[in-house]
């Protein structure tokens, strides 16, 4: 079973109570700082087609080395294990995430691509 995006076109909601943090200093989970050196290390990979959960920026993942046949789409991104977590997904340059009326966070589904940092 693969993950499905929760799509409810007429449901809208405000912010959750106590969800605004005034001490964030402008940092957001899943976004890398604007730095040319960091930007050049941005990678793109294919989410495992059998992935059961969708992904979003800031989630730890496991990067599997791409074979010659799949090298065009990048490495295969899988769910991390208790002992292996070698990358984090990010929102940087990821304009292909799906947003809905009930959730403004871009979500990435199985079989799609996602950007990450090692």
PDB file of N, CA and C in Angstrom:
ATOM      1  N   UNK A   1       0.837  -1.170   0.000  1.00  0.00           N
ATOM      2  CA  UNK A   1       0.000   0.000   0.000  1.00  0.00           C
ATOM      3  C   UNK A   1       0.886   1.238   0.000  1.00  0.00           C
ATOM      4  N   UNK A   2       0.638   2.152  -0.899  1.00  0.00           N
ATOM      5  CA  UNK A   2       1.416   3.383  -0.938  1.00  0.00           C
ATOM      6  C   UNK A   2       0.637   4.516  -0.283  1.00  0.00           C
ATOM      7  N   UNK A   3       1.361   5.548   0.100  1.00  0.00           N
ATOM      8  CA  UNK A   3       0.736   6.685   0.777  1.00  0.00           C
ATOM      9  C   UNK A   3      -0.094   7.507  -0.194  1.00  0.00           C
ATOM     10  N   UNK A   4      -1.175   8.038   0.288  1.00  0.00           N
ATOM     11  CA  UNK A   4      -2.000   8.923  -0.524  1.00  0.00           C
ATOM     12  C   UNK A   4      -2.032  10.297   0.128  1.00  0.00           C
ATOM     13  N   UNK A   5      -2.097  11.312  -0.694  1.00  0.00           N
ATOM     14  CA  UNK A   5      -2.160  12.681  -0.195  1.00  0.00           C
ATOM     15  C   UNK A   5      -3.554  12.930   0.379  1.00  0.00           C
ATOM     16  N   UNK A   6      -3.662  13.455   1.605  1.00  0.00           N
ATOM     17  CA  UNK A   6      -4.983  13.755   2.159  1.00  0.00           C
ATOM     18  C   UNK A   6      -5.588  14.952   1.433  1.00  0.00           C
ATOM     19  N   UNK A   7      -6.527  14.695   0.559  1.00  0.00           N
ATOM     20  CA  UNK A   7      -7.103  15.750  -0.265  1.00  0.00           C
ATOM     21  C   UNK A   7      -8.545  16.013   0.141  1.00  0.00           C
ATOM     22  N   UNK A   8      -8.780  17.165   0.736  1.00  0.00           N
ATOM     23  CA  UNK A   8     -10.124  17.591   1.107  1.00  0.00           C
ATOM     24  C   UNK A   8     -10.280  19.017   0.587  1.00  0.00           C
ATOM     25  N   UNK A   9     -10.842  19.191  -0.620  1.00  0.00           N
ATOM     26  CA  UNK A   9     -10.820  20.493  -1.286  1.00  0.00           C
ATOM     27  C   UNK A   9     -11.559  21.615  -0.568  1.00  0.00           C
ATOM     28  N   UNK A  10     -12.522  21.308   0.275  1.00  0.00           N
ATOM     29  CA  UNK A  10     -13.297  22.368   0.916  1.00  0.00           C
ATOM     30  C   UNK A  10     -12.917  22.583   2.373  1.00  0.00           C
ATOM     31  N   UNK A  11     -11.960  21.837   2.871  1.00  0.00           N
ATOM     32  CA  UNK A  11     -11.569  21.977   4.265  1.00  0.00           C
ATOM     33  C   UNK A  11     -10.424  22.979   4.369  1.00  0.00           C
ATOM     34  N   UNK A  12     -10.619  23.988   5.149  1.00  0.00           N
ATOM     35  CA  UNK A  12      -9.539  24.928   5.459  1.00  0.00           C
ATOM     36  C   UNK A  12      -9.475  25.070   6.965  1.00  0.00           C
ATOM     37  N   UNK A  13      -8.317  25.375   7.448  1.00  0.00           N
ATOM     38  CA  UNK A  13      -8.171  25.511   8.889  1.00  0.00           C
ATOM     39  C   UNK A  13      -7.132  26.572   9.190  1.00  0.00           C
ATOM     40  N   UNK A  14      -7.261  27.163  10.351  1.00  0.00           N
ATOM     41  CA  UNK A  14      -6.289  28.155  10.793  1.00  0.00           C
ATOM     42  C   UNK A  14      -5.078  27.477  11.404  1.00  0.00           C
ATOM     43  N   UNK A  15      -4.234  28.282  11.988  1.00  0.00           N
ATOM     44  CA  UNK A  15      -3.033  27.746  12.631  1.00  0.00           C
ATOM     45  C   UNK A  15      -3.420  26.952  13.871  1.00  0.00           C
ATOM     46  N   UNK A  16      -2.630  25.940  14.179  1.00  0.00           N
ATOM     47  CA  UNK A  16      -2.854  25.164  15.384  1.00  0.00           C
ATOM     48  C   UNK A  16      -2.532  26.025  16.599  1.00  0.00           C
ATOM     49  N   UNK A  17      -3.180  25.767  17.709  1.00  0.00           N
ATOM     50  CA  UNK A  17      -2.906  26.560  18.906  1.00  0.00           C
ATOM     51  C   UNK A  17      -1.473  26.319  19.373  1.00  0.00           C
ATOM     52  N   UNK A  18      -0.824  27.381  19.809  1.00  0.00           N
ATOM     53  CA  UNK A  18       0.569  27.353  20.288  1.00  0.00           C
ATOM     54  C   UNK A  18       1.553  26.870  19.232  1.00  0.00           C
ATOM     55  N   UNK A  19       1.253  27.080  17.948  1.00  0.00           N
ATOM     56  CA  UNK A  19       2.162  26.606  16.902  1.00  0.00           C
ATOM     57  C   UNK A  19       3.095  27.693  16.392  1.00  0.00           C
ATOM     58  N   UNK A  20       2.929  28.927  16.855  1.00  0.00           N
ATOM     59  CA  UNK A  20       3.790  30.011  16.391  1.00  0.00           C
ATOM     60  C   UNK A  20       4.908  30.218  17.392  1.00  0.00           C
ATOM     61  N   UNK A  21       6.132  30.107  16.935  1.00  0.00           N
ATOM     62  CA  UNK A  21       7.299  30.240  17.803  1.00  0.00           C
ATOM     63  C   UNK A  21       8.000  31.547  17.484  1.00  0.00           C
ATOM     64  N   UNK A  22       8.042  32.463  18.420  1.00  0.00           N
ATOM     65  CA  UNK A  22       8.670  33.761  18.166  1.00  0.00           C
ATOM     66  C   UNK A  22      10.189  33.699  18.253  1.00  0.00           C
ATOM     67  N   UNK A  23      10.751  32.588  18.668  1.00  0.00           N
ATOM     68  CA  UNK A  23      12.196  32.443  18.820  1.00  0.00           C
ATOM     69  C   UNK A  23      12.843  31.683  17.665  1.00  0.00           C
ATOM     70  N   UNK A  24      12.199  31.614  16.509  1.00  0.00           N
ATOM     71  CA  UNK A  24      12.719  30.800  15.413  1.00  0.00           C
ATOM     72  C   UNK A  24      13.902  31.429  14.697  1.00  0.00           C
ATOM     73  N   UNK A  25      14.099  32.740  14.829  1.00  0.00           N
ATOM     74  CA  UNK A  25      15.183  33.467  14.169  1.00  0.00           C
ATOM     75  C   UNK A  25      15.151  33.285  12.653  1.00  0.00           C
ATOM     76  N   UNK A  26      13.989  33.051  12.100  1.00  0.00           N
ATOM     77  CA  UNK A  26      13.844  32.928  10.656  1.00  0.00           C
ATOM     78  C   UNK A  26      14.162  31.560  10.093  1.00  0.00           C
ATOM     79  N   UNK A  27      14.471  30.598  10.925  1.00  0.00           N
ATOM     80  CA  UNK A  27      14.806  29.253  10.447  1.00  0.00           C
ATOM     81  C   UNK A  27      13.536  28.425  10.290  1.00  0.00           C
ATOM     82  N   UNK A  28      13.514  27.588   9.277  1.00  0.00           N
ATOM     83  CA  UNK A  28      12.373  26.726   9.007  1.00  0.00           C
ATOM     84  C   UNK A  28      12.868  25.302   8.792  1.00  0.00           C
ATOM     85  N   UNK A  29      12.173  24.328   9.366  1.00  0.00           N
ATOM     86  CA  UNK A  29      12.551  22.934   9.167  1.00  0.00           C
ATOM     87  C   UNK A  29      12.445  22.580   7.695  1.00  0.00           C
ATOM     88  N   UNK A  30      13.489  21.973   7.159  1.00  0.00           N
ATOM     89  CA  UNK A  30      13.465  21.527   5.774  1.00  0.00           C
ATOM     90  C   UNK A  30      14.020  22.520   4.786  1.00  0.00           C
ATOM     91  N   UNK A  31      14.490  23.679   5.249  1.00  0.00           N
ATOM     92  CA  UNK A  31      15.108  24.671   4.364  1.00  0.00           C
ATOM     93  C   UNK A  31      16.571  24.831   4.719  1.00  0.00           C
ATOM     94  N   UNK A  32      17.428  24.786   3.721  1.00  0.00           N
ATOM     95  CA  UNK A  32      18.853  25.040   3.945  1.00  0.00           C
ATOM     96  C   UNK A  32      19.096  26.538   3.861  1.00  0.00           C
ATOM     97  N   UNK A  33      20.107  27.008   4.553  1.00  0.00           N
ATOM     98  CA  UNK A  33      20.448  28.428   4.524  1.00  0.00           C
ATOM     99  C   UNK A  33      20.921  28.838   3.137  1.00  0.00           C
ATOM    100  N   UNK A  34      20.705  30.103   2.788  1.00  0.00           N
ATOM    101  CA  UNK A  34      21.153  30.621   1.496  1.00  0.00           C
ATOM    102  C   UNK A  34      22.662  30.776   1.511  1.00  0.00           C
ATOM    103  N   UNK A  35      23.338  29.785   0.993  1.00  0.00           N
ATOM    104  CA  UNK A  35      24.792  29.775   0.945  1.00  0.00           C
ATOM    105  C   UNK A  35      25.187  29.064  -0.347  1.00  0.00           C
ATOM    106  N   UNK A  36      25.957  29.726  -1.219  1.00  0.00           N
ATOM    107  CA  UNK A  36      26.324  29.094  -2.495  1.00  0.00           C
ATOM    108  C   UNK A  36      27.023  27.748  -2.330  1.00  0.00           C
ATOM    109  N   UNK A  37      27.829  27.594  -1.295  1.00  0.00           N
ATOM    110  CA  UNK A  37      28.535  26.330  -1.091  1.00  0.00           C
ATOM    111  C   UNK A  37      27.558  25.208  -0.752  1.00  0.00           C
ATOM    112  N   UNK A  38      26.557  25.513   0.043  1.00  0.00           N
ATOM    113  CA  UNK A  38      25.566  24.507   0.417  1.00  0.00           C
ATOM    114  C   UNK A  38      24.648  24.197  -0.759  1.00  0.00           C
ATOM    115  N   UNK A  39      24.275  25.234  -1.503  1.00  0.00           N
ATOM    116  CA  UNK A  39      23.363  25.051  -2.640  1.00  0.00           C
ATOM    117  C   UNK A  39      23.930  24.079  -3.667  1.00  0.00           C
ATOM    118  N   UNK A  40      25.246  24.099  -3.858  1.00  0.00           N
ATOM    119  CA  UNK A  40      25.867  23.220  -4.846  1.00  0.00           C
ATOM    120  C   UNK A  40      25.900  21.758  -4.403  1.00  0.00           C
ATOM    121  N   UNK A  41      25.590  21.489  -3.146  1.00  0.00           N
ATOM    122  CA  UNK A  41      25.569  20.114  -2.646  1.00  0.00           C
ATOM    123  C   UNK A  41      24.164  19.512  -2.658  1.00  0.00           C
ATOM    124  N   UNK A  42      23.188  20.258  -3.166  1.00  0.00           N
ATOM    125  CA  UNK A  42      21.809  19.775  -3.229  1.00  0.00           C
ATOM    126  C   UNK A  42      21.709  18.586  -4.185  1.00  0.00           C
ATOM    127  N   UNK A  43      21.071  17.517  -3.728  1.00  0.00           N
ATOM    128  CA  UNK A  43      20.916  16.300  -4.536  1.00  0.00           C
ATOM    129  C   UNK A  43      19.431  16.052  -4.813  1.00  0.00           C
ATOM    130  N   UNK A  44      19.170  15.283  -5.837  1.00  0.00           N
ATOM    131  CA  UNK A  44      17.802  14.895  -6.166  1.00  0.00           C
ATOM    132  C   UNK A  44      17.751  13.380  -6.307  1.00  0.00           C
ATOM    133  N   UNK A  45      16.703  12.785  -5.791  1.00  0.00           N
ATOM    134  CA  UNK A  45      16.574  11.338  -5.872  1.00  0.00           C
ATOM    135  C   UNK A  45      15.135  10.914  -6.073  1.00  0.00           C
ATOM    136  N   UNK A  46      14.957   9.646  -6.347  1.00  0.00           N
ATOM    137  CA  UNK A  46      13.642   9.055  -6.590  1.00  0.00           C
ATOM    138  C   UNK A  46      13.167   8.358  -5.320  1.00  0.00           C
ATOM    139  N   UNK A  47      11.975   8.704  -4.872  1.00  0.00           N
ATOM    140  CA  UNK A  47      11.415   8.063  -3.683  1.00  0.00           C
ATOM    141  C   UNK A  47      11.045   6.627  -4.023  1.00  0.00           C
ATOM    142  N   UNK A  48      11.387   5.720  -3.132  1.00  0.00           N
ATOM    143  CA  UNK A  48      11.108   4.302  -3.321  1.00  0.00           C
ATOM    144  C   UNK A  48       9.631   4.104  -3.701  1.00  0.00           C
ATOM    145  N   UNK A  49       9.352   3.434  -4.833  1.00  0.00           N
ATOM    146  CA  UNK A  49       7.956   3.241  -5.269  1.00  0.00           C
ATOM    147  C   UNK A  49       7.092   2.480  -4.268  1.00  0.00           C
ATOM    148  N   UNK A  50       7.697   1.723  -3.358  1.00  0.00           N
ATOM    149  CA  UNK A  50       6.917   0.983  -2.365  1.00  0.00           C
ATOM    150  C   UNK A  50       6.837   1.720  -1.027  1.00  0.00           C
ATOM    151  N   UNK A  51       7.264   2.973  -1.001  1.00  0.00           N
ATOM    152  CA  UNK A  51       7.215   3.780   0.224  1.00  0.00           C
ATOM    153  C   UNK A  51       5.775   3.899   0.703  1.00  0.00           C
ATOM    154  N   UNK A  52       5.531   3.644   1.984  1.00  0.00           N
ATOM    155  CA  UNK A  52       4.168   3.668   2.514  1.00  0.00           C
ATOM    156  C   UNK A  52       3.751   5.036   3.035  1.00  0.00           C
ATOM    157  N   UNK A  53       4.698   5.885   3.370  1.00  0.00           N
ATOM    158  CA  UNK A  53       4.382   7.218   3.876  1.00  0.00           C
ATOM    159  C   UNK A  53       4.885   8.266   2.905  1.00  0.00           C
ATOM    160  N   UNK A  54       4.226   9.406   2.855  1.00  0.00           N
ATOM    161  CA  UNK A  54       4.738  10.488   2.028  1.00  0.00           C
ATOM    162  C   UNK A  54       5.818  11.239   2.802  1.00  0.00           C
ATOM    163  N   UNK A  55       6.607  12.031   2.103  1.00  0.00           N
ATOM    164  CA  UNK A  55       7.709  12.773   2.713  1.00  0.00           C
ATOM    165  C   UNK A  55       7.447  14.266   2.625  1.00  0.00           C
ATOM    166  N   UNK A  56       8.158  15.030   3.442  1.00  0.00           N
ATOM    167  CA  UNK A  56       8.150  16.490   3.391  1.00  0.00           C
ATOM    168  C   UNK A  56       9.543  16.960   3.786  1.00  0.00           C
ATOM    169  N   UNK A  57       9.798  18.224   3.728  1.00  0.00           N
ATOM    170  CA  UNK A  57      11.125  18.754   4.032  1.00  0.00           C
ATOM    171  C   UNK A  57      11.514  18.557   5.489  1.00  0.00           C
ATOM    172  N   UNK A  58      12.761  18.200   5.720  1.00  0.00           N
ATOM    173  CA  UNK A  58      13.271  18.024   7.071  1.00  0.00           C
ATOM    174  C   UNK A  58      13.179  16.614   7.608  1.00  0.00           C
ATOM    175  N   UNK A  59      12.760  15.665   6.803  1.00  0.00           N
ATOM    176  CA  UNK A  59      12.620  14.274   7.236  1.00  0.00           C
ATOM    177  C   UNK A  59      13.914  13.522   6.947  1.00  0.00           C
ATOM    178  N   UNK A  60      14.375  12.743   7.903  1.00  0.00           N
ATOM    179  CA  UNK A  60      15.547  11.908   7.687  1.00  0.00           C
ATOM    180  C   UNK A  60      15.220  10.755   6.758  1.00  0.00           C
ATOM    181  N   UNK A  61      16.119  10.471   5.823  1.00  0.00           N
ATOM    182  CA  UNK A  61      15.907   9.390   4.860  1.00  0.00           C
ATOM    183  C   UNK A  61      17.201   8.604   4.678  1.00  0.00           C
ATOM    184  N   UNK A  62      17.100   7.503   3.958  1.00  0.00           N
ATOM    185  CA  UNK A  62      18.261   6.687   3.623  1.00  0.00           C
ATOM    186  C   UNK A  62      18.485   6.776   2.116  1.00  0.00           C
ATOM    187  N   UNK A  63      19.666   7.235   1.726  1.00  0.00           N
ATOM    188  CA  UNK A  63      20.018   7.337   0.309  1.00  0.00           C
ATOM    189  C   UNK A  63      20.693   6.043  -0.122  1.00  0.00           C
ATOM    190  N   UNK A  64      20.139   5.384  -1.126  1.00  0.00           N
ATOM    191  CA  UNK A  64      20.735   4.168  -1.679  1.00  0.00           C
ATOM    192  C   UNK A  64      21.423   4.542  -2.990  1.00  0.00           C
ATOM    193  N   UNK A  65      22.637   4.090  -3.175  1.00  0.00           N
ATOM    194  CA  UNK A  65      23.429   4.451  -4.350  1.00  0.00           C
ATOM    195  C   UNK A  65      22.723   3.996  -5.621  1.00  0.00           C
ATOM    196  N   UNK A  66      22.682   4.891  -6.601  1.00  0.00           N
ATOM    197  CA  UNK A  66      22.013   4.593  -7.869  1.00  0.00           C
ATOM    198  C   UNK A  66      22.842   3.632  -8.713  1.00  0.00           C
ATOM    199  N   UNK A  67      22.149   2.759  -9.407  1.00  0.00           N
ATOM    200  CA  UNK A  67      22.821   1.859 -10.351  1.00  0.00           C
ATOM    201  C   UNK A  67      22.961   2.570 -11.691  1.00  0.00           C
ATOM    202  N   UNK A  68      23.641   1.958 -12.615  1.00  0.00           N
ATOM    203  CA  UNK A  68      23.822   2.588 -13.929  1.00  0.00           C
ATOM    204  C   UNK A  68      22.501   2.771 -14.656  1.00  0.00           C
ATOM    205  N   UNK A  69      21.564   1.857 -14.474  1.00  0.00           N
ATOM    206  CA  UNK A  69      20.276   1.951 -15.150  1.00  0.00           C
ATOM    207  C   UNK A  69      19.425   3.103 -14.610  1.00  0.00           C
ATOM    208  N   UNK A  70      19.545   3.386 -13.317  1.00  0.00           N
ATOM    209  CA  UNK A  70      18.700   4.417 -12.704  1.00  0.00           C
ATOM    210  C   UNK A  70      19.455   5.703 -12.408  1.00  0.00           C
ATOM    211  N   UNK A  71      20.655   5.843 -12.925  1.00  0.00           N
ATOM    212  CA  UNK A  71      21.486   6.998 -12.597  1.00  0.00           C
ATOM    213  C   UNK A  71      20.872   8.315 -13.057  1.00  0.00           C
ATOM    214  N   UNK A  72      20.046   8.306 -14.082  1.00  0.00           N
ATOM    215  CA  UNK A  72      19.444   9.536 -14.600  1.00  0.00           C
ATOM    216  C   UNK A  72      18.514  10.169 -13.570  1.00  0.00           C
ATOM    217  N   UNK A  73      17.747   9.369 -12.849  1.00  0.00           N
ATOM    218  CA  UNK A  73      16.798   9.896 -11.872  1.00  0.00           C
ATOM    219  C   UNK A  73      17.415  10.125 -10.500  1.00  0.00           C
ATOM    220  N   UNK A  74      18.661   9.769 -10.313  1.00  0.00           N
ATOM    221  CA  UNK A  74      19.319   9.960  -9.026  1.00  0.00           C
ATOM    222  C   UNK A  74      19.212   8.733  -8.148  1.00  0.00           C
ATOM    223  N   UNK A  75      19.657   8.882  -6.919  1.00  0.00           N
ATOM    224  CA  UNK A  75      19.652   7.777  -5.969  1.00  0.00           C
ATOM    225  C   UNK A  75      18.234   7.426  -5.541  1.00  0.00           C
ATOM    226  N   UNK A  76      18.079   6.207  -5.038  1.00  0.00           N
ATOM    227  CA  UNK A  76      16.789   5.767  -4.518  1.00  0.00           C
ATOM    228  C   UNK A  76      16.689   6.208  -3.059  1.00  0.00           C
ATOM    229  N   UNK A  77      15.601   6.868  -2.705  1.00  0.00           N
ATOM    230  CA  UNK A  77      15.395   7.377  -1.352  1.00  0.00           C
ATOM    231  C   UNK A  77      14.424   6.452  -0.632  1.00  0.00           C
ATOM    232  N   UNK A  78      14.864   5.934   0.526  1.00  0.00           N
ATOM    233  CA  UNK A  78      14.041   5.006   1.300  1.00  0.00           C
ATOM    234  C   UNK A  78      13.837   5.526   2.714  1.00  0.00           C
ATOM    235  N   UNK A  79      12.933   4.881   3.419  1.00  0.00           N
ATOM    236  CA  UNK A  79      12.666   5.192   4.819  1.00  0.00           C
ATOM    237  C   UNK A  79      13.905   4.835   5.641  1.00  0.00           C
ATOM    238  N   UNK A  80      14.322   5.677   6.584  1.00  0.00           N
ATOM    239  CA  UNK A  80      15.514   5.360   7.375  1.00  0.00           C
ATOM    240  C   UNK A  80      15.243   4.230   8.361  1.00  0.00           C
ATOM    241  N   UNK A  81      16.314   3.621   8.805  1.00  0.00           N
ATOM    242  CA  UNK A  81      16.207   2.581   9.826  1.00  0.00           C
ATOM    243  C   UNK A  81      16.789   3.126  11.127  1.00  0.00           C
ATOM    244  N   UNK A  82      16.760   2.321  12.162  1.00  0.00           N
ATOM    245  CA  UNK A  82      17.304   2.756  13.452  1.00  0.00           C
ATOM    246  C   UNK A  82      18.813   2.962  13.380  1.00  0.00           C
ATOM    247  N   UNK A  83      19.476   2.299  12.437  1.00  0.00           N
ATOM    248  CA  UNK A  83      20.934   2.414  12.350  1.00  0.00           C
ATOM    249  C   UNK A  83      21.429   3.187  11.134  1.00  0.00           C
ATOM    250  N   UNK A  84      20.570   3.457  10.156  1.00  0.00           N
ATOM    251  CA  UNK A  84      21.006   4.160   8.941  1.00  0.00           C
ATOM    252  C   UNK A  84      20.077   5.333   8.639  1.00  0.00           C
ATOM    253  N   UNK A  85      20.639   6.522   8.687  1.00  0.00           N
ATOM    254  CA  UNK A  85      19.952   7.751   8.275  1.00  0.00           C
ATOM    255  C   UNK A  85      21.052   8.661   7.752  1.00  0.00           C
ATOM    256  N   UNK A  86      21.224   8.709   6.432  1.00  0.00           N
ATOM    257  CA  UNK A  86      22.368   9.428   5.880  1.00  0.00           C
ATOM    258  C   UNK A  86      22.002  10.654   5.056  1.00  0.00           C
ATOM    259  N   UNK A  87      20.741  11.099   5.104  1.00  0.00           N
ATOM    260  CA  UNK A  87      20.341  12.287   4.341  1.00  0.00           C
ATOM    261  C   UNK A  87      19.074  12.886   4.948  1.00  0.00           C
ATOM    262  N   UNK A  88      18.817  14.161   4.599  1.00  0.00           N
ATOM    263  CA  UNK A  88      17.607  14.849   5.039  1.00  0.00           C
ATOM    264  C   UNK A  88      16.947  15.516   3.845  1.00  0.00           C
ATOM    265  N   UNK A  89      15.647  15.340   3.713  1.00  0.00           N
ATOM    266  CA  UNK A  89      14.918  15.976   2.614  1.00  0.00           C
ATOM    267  C   UNK A  89      14.775  17.466   2.899  1.00  0.00           C
ATOM    268  N   UNK A  90      14.677  18.258   1.826  1.00  0.00           N
ATOM    269  CA  UNK A  90      14.535  19.709   1.967  1.00  0.00           C
ATOM    270  C   UNK A  90      13.519  20.238   0.958  1.00  0.00           C
ATOM    271  N   UNK A  91      13.057  21.457   1.221  1.00  0.00           N
ATOM    272  CA  UNK A  91      12.140  22.135   0.310  1.00  0.00           C
ATOM    273  C   UNK A  91      12.884  22.947  -0.742  1.00  0.00           C
ATOM    274  N   UNK A  92      14.189  23.098  -0.616  1.00  0.00           N
ATOM    275  CA  UNK A  92      14.963  23.937  -1.528  1.00  0.00           C
ATOM    276  C   UNK A  92      14.799  23.480  -2.974  1.00  0.00           C
ATOM    277  N   UNK A  93      14.394  24.379  -3.844  1.00  0.00           N
ATOM    278  CA  UNK A  93      14.202  24.148  -5.276  1.00  0.00           C
ATOM    279  C   UNK A  93      13.249  22.989  -5.562  1.00  0.00           C
ATOM    280  N   UNK A  94      12.393  22.668  -4.629  1.00  0.00           N
ATOM    281  CA  UNK A  94      11.462  21.553  -4.806  1.00  0.00           C
ATOM    282  C   UNK A  94      10.071  22.102  -5.090  1.00  0.00           C
ATOM    283  N   UNK A  95       9.837  22.455  -6.333  1.00  0.00           N
ATOM    284  CA  UNK A  95       8.563  23.050  -6.713  1.00  0.00           C
ATOM    285  C   UNK A  95       7.532  21.997  -7.102  1.00  0.00           C
ATOM    286  N   UNK A  96       7.850  20.736  -6.972  1.00  0.00           N
ATOM    287  CA  UNK A  96       6.964  19.661  -7.409  1.00  0.00           C
ATOM    288  C   UNK A  96       6.201  19.016  -6.259  1.00  0.00           C
ATOM    289  N   UNK A  97       6.272  19.583  -5.059  1.00  0.00           N
ATOM    290  CA  UNK A  97       5.516  19.042  -3.940  1.00  0.00           C
ATOM    291  C   UNK A  97       4.030  19.341  -4.091  1.00  0.00           C
ATOM    292  N   UNK A  98       3.200  18.466  -3.565  1.00  0.00           N
ATOM    293  CA  UNK A  98       1.751  18.613  -3.673  1.00  0.00           C
ATOM    294  C   UNK A  98       1.224  19.300  -2.413  1.00  0.00           C
ATOM    295  N   UNK A  99       0.486  20.399  -2.584  1.00  0.00           N
ATOM    296  CA  UNK A  99      -0.176  21.055  -1.458  1.00  0.00           C
ATOM    297  C   UNK A  99      -1.679  20.982  -1.667  1.00  0.00           C
ATOM    298  N   UNK A 100      -2.417  20.943  -0.575  1.00  0.00           N
ATOM    299  CA  UNK A 100      -3.876  20.874  -0.651  1.00  0.00           C
ATOM    300  C   UNK A 100      -4.470  21.970   0.225  1.00  0.00           C
ATOM    301  N   UNK A 101      -5.783  22.111   0.176  1.00  0.00           N
ATOM    302  CA  UNK A 101      -6.461  23.119   0.994  1.00  0.00           C
ATOM    303  C   UNK A 101      -6.331  22.824   2.480  1.00  0.00           C
ATOM    304  N   UNK A 102      -6.224  21.560   2.837  1.00  0.00           N
ATOM    305  CA  UNK A 102      -6.147  21.199   4.247  1.00  0.00           C
ATOM    306  C   UNK A 102      -4.720  21.131   4.771  1.00  0.00           C
ATOM    307  N   UNK A 103      -3.718  21.236   3.885  1.00  0.00           N
ATOM    308  CA  UNK A 103      -2.327  21.146   4.321  1.00  0.00           C
ATOM    309  C   UNK A 103      -1.460  21.959   3.373  1.00  0.00           C
ATOM    310  N   UNK A 104      -0.854  23.016   3.877  1.00  0.00           N
ATOM    311  CA  UNK A 104      -0.044  23.880   3.016  1.00  0.00           C
ATOM    312  C   UNK A 104       1.409  23.426   2.910  1.00  0.00           C
ATOM    313  N   UNK A 105       1.770  22.350   3.589  1.00  0.00           N
ATOM    314  CA  UNK A 105       3.134  21.822   3.509  1.00  0.00           C
ATOM    315  C   UNK A 105       3.252  20.952   2.261  1.00  0.00           C
ATOM    316  N   UNK A 106       4.235  21.219   1.374  1.00  0.00           N
ATOM    317  CA  UNK A 106       4.407  20.373   0.187  1.00  0.00           C
ATOM    318  C   UNK A 106       4.748  18.933   0.583  1.00  0.00           C
ATOM    319  N   UNK A 107       4.033  17.984   0.014  1.00  0.00           N
ATOM    320  CA  UNK A 107       4.249  16.563   0.294  1.00  0.00           C
ATOM    321  C   UNK A 107       4.759  15.877  -0.962  1.00  0.00           C
ATOM    322  N   UNK A 108       5.602  14.868  -0.784  1.00  0.00           N
ATOM    323  CA  UNK A 108       6.197  14.126  -1.897  1.00  0.00           C
ATOM    324  C   UNK A 108       5.815  12.664  -1.741  1.00  0.00           C
ATOM    325  N   UNK A 109       5.280  12.070  -2.808  1.00  0.00           N
ATOM    326  CA  UNK A 109       4.739  10.713  -2.732  1.00  0.00           C
ATOM    327  C   UNK A 109       5.687   9.690  -3.346  1.00  0.00           C
ATOM    328  N   UNK A 110       5.391   8.423  -3.085  1.00  0.00           N
ATOM    329  CA  UNK A 110       6.188   7.312  -3.602  1.00  0.00           C
ATOM    330  C   UNK A 110       6.261   7.356  -5.117  1.00  0.00           C
ATOM    331  N   UNK A 111       7.449   7.113  -5.647  1.00  0.00           N
ATOM    332  CA  UNK A 111       7.652   7.125  -7.087  1.00  0.00           C
ATOM    333  C   UNK A 111       8.018   8.488  -7.633  1.00  0.00           C
ATOM    334  N   UNK A 112       7.863   9.530  -6.830  1.00  0.00           N
ATOM    335  CA  UNK A 112       8.214  10.886  -7.257  1.00  0.00           C
ATOM    336  C   UNK A 112       9.639  11.233  -6.858  1.00  0.00           C
ATOM    337  N   UNK A 113      10.032  12.440  -7.157  1.00  0.00           N
ATOM    338  CA  UNK A 113      11.388  12.860  -6.801  1.00  0.00           C
ATOM    339  C   UNK A 113      11.351  13.804  -5.611  1.00  0.00           C
ATOM    340  N   UNK A 114      12.478  13.906  -4.933  1.00  0.00           N
ATOM    341  CA  UNK A 114      12.613  14.781  -3.772  1.00  0.00           C
ATOM    342  C   UNK A 114      14.059  15.265  -3.702  1.00  0.00           C
ATOM    343  N   UNK A 115      14.245  16.470  -3.185  1.00  0.00           N
ATOM    344  CA  UNK A 115      15.593  17.001  -3.007  1.00  0.00           C
ATOM    345  C   UNK A 115      16.064  16.729  -1.589  1.00  0.00           C
ATOM    346  N   UNK A 116      17.368  16.549  -1.435  1.00  0.00           N
ATOM    347  CA  UNK A 116      17.910  16.208  -0.119  1.00  0.00           C
ATOM    348  C   UNK A 116      19.370  16.633  -0.032  1.00  0.00           C
ATOM    349  N   UNK A 117      19.858  16.667   1.199  1.00  0.00           N
ATOM    350  CA  UNK A 117      21.281  16.888   1.470  1.00  0.00           C
ATOM    351  C   UNK A 117      21.831  15.675   2.194  1.00  0.00           C
ATOM    352  N   UNK A 118      23.045  15.301   1.832  1.00  0.00           N
ATOM    353  CA  UNK A 118      23.717  14.176   2.492  1.00  0.00           C
ATOM    354  C   UNK A 118      24.286  14.624   3.814  1.00  0.00           C
TER     355      UNK A 118
END
